[in-house]
C-alpha atoms as a PDB file:
ATOM      1  CA  MET A   1     -39.124   9.553  58.315  1.00  0.00           C
ATOM      2  CA  TYR A   2     -41.988   7.999  56.391  1.00  0.00           C
ATOM      3  CA  THR A   3     -43.601   9.639  53.391  1.00  0.00           C
ATOM      4  CA  ILE A   4     -46.982   8.977  51.866  1.00  0.00           C
ATOM      5  CA  TYR A   5     -47.233  10.115  48.288  1.00  0.00           C
ATOM      6  CA  ILE A   6     -49.790  10.498  45.557  1.00  0.00           C
ATOM      7  CA  LEU A   7     -48.782  10.071  41.941  1.00  0.00           C
ATOM      8  CA  TYR A   8     -50.807  11.136  38.939  1.00  0.00           C
ATOM      9  CA  SER A   9     -50.553   9.903  35.355  1.00  0.00           C
ATOM     10  CA  LEU A  10     -51.903  12.584  33.052  1.00  0.00           C
ATOM     11  CA  PRO A  11     -51.962  10.453  29.862  1.00  0.00           C
ATOM     12  CA  HIS A  12     -53.994   7.741  31.601  1.00  0.00           C
ATOM     13  CA  ASN A  13     -55.848   9.874  34.188  1.00  0.00           C
ATOM     14  CA  LYS A  14     -54.837   7.489  36.988  1.00  0.00           C
ATOM     15  CA  ILE A  15     -53.714   8.006  40.578  1.00  0.00           C
ATOM     16  CA  TYR A  16     -51.404   5.905  42.744  1.00  0.00           C
ATOM     17  CA  ILE A  17     -51.162   6.171  46.520  1.00  0.00           C
ATOM     18  CA  GLY A  18     -48.214   4.719  48.397  1.00  0.00           C
ATOM     19  CA  PHE A  19     -45.751   5.123  51.235  1.00  0.00           C
ATOM     20  CA  THR A  20     -41.979   4.912  51.462  1.00  0.00           C
ATOM     21  CA  THR A  21     -38.897   5.878  53.433  1.00  0.00           C
ATOM     22  CA  ASN A  22     -37.086   7.064  50.289  1.00  0.00           C
ATOM     23  CA  ILE A  23     -39.325   9.102  47.978  1.00  0.00           C
ATOM     24  CA  ALA A  24     -36.630   9.737  45.345  1.00  0.00           C
ATOM     25  CA  ALA A  25     -35.817   6.045  44.920  1.00  0.00           C
ATOM     26  CA  ARG A  26     -39.478   5.064  44.925  1.00  0.00           C
ATOM     27  CA  PHE A  27     -40.357   7.663  42.299  1.00  0.00           C
ATOM     28  CA  LEU A  28     -37.488   6.444  40.097  1.00  0.00           C
ATOM     29  CA  SER A  29     -38.785   2.902  40.497  1.00  0.00           C
ATOM     30  CA  HIS A  30     -42.303   3.901  39.456  1.00  0.00           C
ATOM     31  CA  ASN A  31     -41.145   5.818  36.385  1.00  0.00           C
ATOM     32  CA  GLN A  32     -38.065   3.946  35.146  1.00  0.00           C
ATOM     33  CA  LEU A  33     -36.662   1.000  37.068  1.00  0.00           C
ATOM     34  CA  GLY A  34     -39.719  -1.084  37.908  1.00  0.00           C
ATOM     35  CA  ASN A  35     -40.501  -3.873  35.450  1.00  0.00           C
ATOM     36  CA  LYS A  36     -43.602  -5.435  36.986  1.00  0.00           C
ATOM     37  CA  GLY A  37     -46.746  -4.351  38.748  1.00  0.00           C
ATOM     38  CA  TRP A  38     -49.753  -2.143  38.141  1.00  0.00           C
ATOM     39  CA  ALA A  39     -47.941   1.193  38.133  1.00  0.00           C
ATOM     40  CA  ILE A  40     -45.676   0.506  35.154  1.00  0.00           C
ATOM     41  CA  LYS A  41     -48.676   0.341  32.807  1.00  0.00           C
ATOM     42  CA  TYR A  42     -49.548   3.984  33.435  1.00  0.00           C
ATOM     43  CA  ARG A  43     -46.202   5.755  33.104  1.00  0.00           C
ATOM     44  CA  PRO A  44     -45.189   8.551  33.225  1.00  0.00           C
ATOM     45  CA  TRP A  45     -46.091   9.565  36.768  1.00  0.00           C
ATOM     46  CA  GLN A  46     -45.763  12.888  38.502  1.00  0.00           C
ATOM     47  CA  ILE A  47     -45.779  13.467  42.244  1.00  0.00           C
ATOM     48  CA  ILE A  48     -48.743  15.658  43.118  1.00  0.00           C
ATOM     49  CA  HIS A  49     -48.771  15.362  46.919  1.00  0.00           C
ATOM     50  CA  THR A  50     -46.582  14.178  49.801  1.00  0.00           C
ATOM     51  CA  GLU A  51     -46.946  14.086  53.574  1.00  0.00           C
ATOM     52  CA  VAL A  52     -44.153  13.191  56.013  1.00  0.00           C
ATOM     53  CA  PHE A  53     -44.647  11.292  59.283  1.00  0.00           C
ATOM     54  CA  ASN A  54     -42.348  10.343  62.137  1.00  0.00           C
ATOM     55  CA  THR A  55     -43.675   6.816  62.545  1.00  0.00           C
ATOM     56  CA  LYS A  56     -44.549   4.022  60.174  1.00  0.00           C
ATOM     57  CA  GLN A  57     -47.878   3.569  61.926  1.00  0.00           C
ATOM     58  CA  GLU A  58     -48.910   7.189  61.291  1.00  0.00           C
ATOM     59  CA  ALA A  59     -47.926   6.933  57.628  1.00  0.00           C
ATOM     60  CA  LEU A  60     -49.802   3.675  57.112  1.00  0.00           C
ATOM     61  CA  LEU A  61     -52.922   5.082  58.756  1.00  0.00           C
ATOM     62  CA  ARG A  62     -52.847   8.120  56.458  1.00  0.00           C
ATOM     63  CA  GLU A  63     -52.227   5.944  53.398  1.00  0.00           C
ATOM     64  CA  LYS A  64     -55.199   3.782  54.346  1.00  0.00           C
ATOM     65  CA  GLU A  65     -57.343   6.896  54.819  1.00  0.00           C
ATOM     66  CA  LEU A  66     -56.397   8.222  51.373  1.00  0.00           C
ATOM     67  CA  LYS A  67     -57.311   4.897  49.792  1.00  0.00           C
ATOM     68  CA  THR A  68     -60.910   5.115  51.053  1.00  0.00           C
ATOM     69  CA  GLY A  69     -63.719   6.544  48.972  1.00  0.00           C
ATOM     70  CA  LYS A  70     -63.537   9.854  50.837  1.00  0.00           C
ATOM     71  CA  GLY A  71     -59.776   9.989  50.465  1.00  0.00           C
ATOM     72  CA  ARG A  72     -59.938   9.371  46.728  1.00  0.00           C
ATOM     73  CA  GLU A  73     -62.726  11.920  46.408  1.00  0.00           C
ATOM     74  CA  TRP A  74     -60.491  14.504  48.127  1.00  0.00           C
ATOM     75  CA  ILE A  75     -57.637  13.646  45.761  1.00  0.00           C
ATOM     76  CA  TRP A  76     -59.766  14.052  42.636  1.00  0.00           C
ATOM     77  CA  ASN A  77     -61.708  17.107  43.807  1.00  0.00           C
ATOM     78  CA  GLU A  78     -58.968  19.031  45.589  1.00  0.00           C
ATOM     79  CA  LEU A  79     -55.614  17.956  44.204  1.00  0.00           C
ATOM     80  CA  ILE A  80     -56.228  16.970  40.597  1.00  0.00           C
ATOM     81  CA  ALA A  81     -58.933  19.547  39.941  1.00  0.00           C
ATOM     82  CA  ASN A  82     -56.471  22.283  40.969  1.00  0.00           C
ATOM     83  CA  LEU A  83     -53.411  20.999  39.092  1.00  0.00           C
ATOM     84  CA  GLN A  84     -51.750  23.457  36.752  1.00  0.00           C
ATOM     85  CA  LEU A  85     -51.024  21.100  33.850  1.00  0.00           C
END
């Protein structure tokens, strides 16, 4: 199984879109274990959305779609605007 996920950093008002085969390990990496990369600068993260796919190709296509202007607009207008923080 392949999971695309969207993370949100409330203190920094940032989003991160990615894909993985192990969401728990990846989330731990983003919030605690990782020591390099863009995401560590905007900790802490919370998972605000996930979608599961059977194939890597399907997951990568959805990730790419979410990273477009329309995809990011949907994230900000539908997901983040409706968060109960």
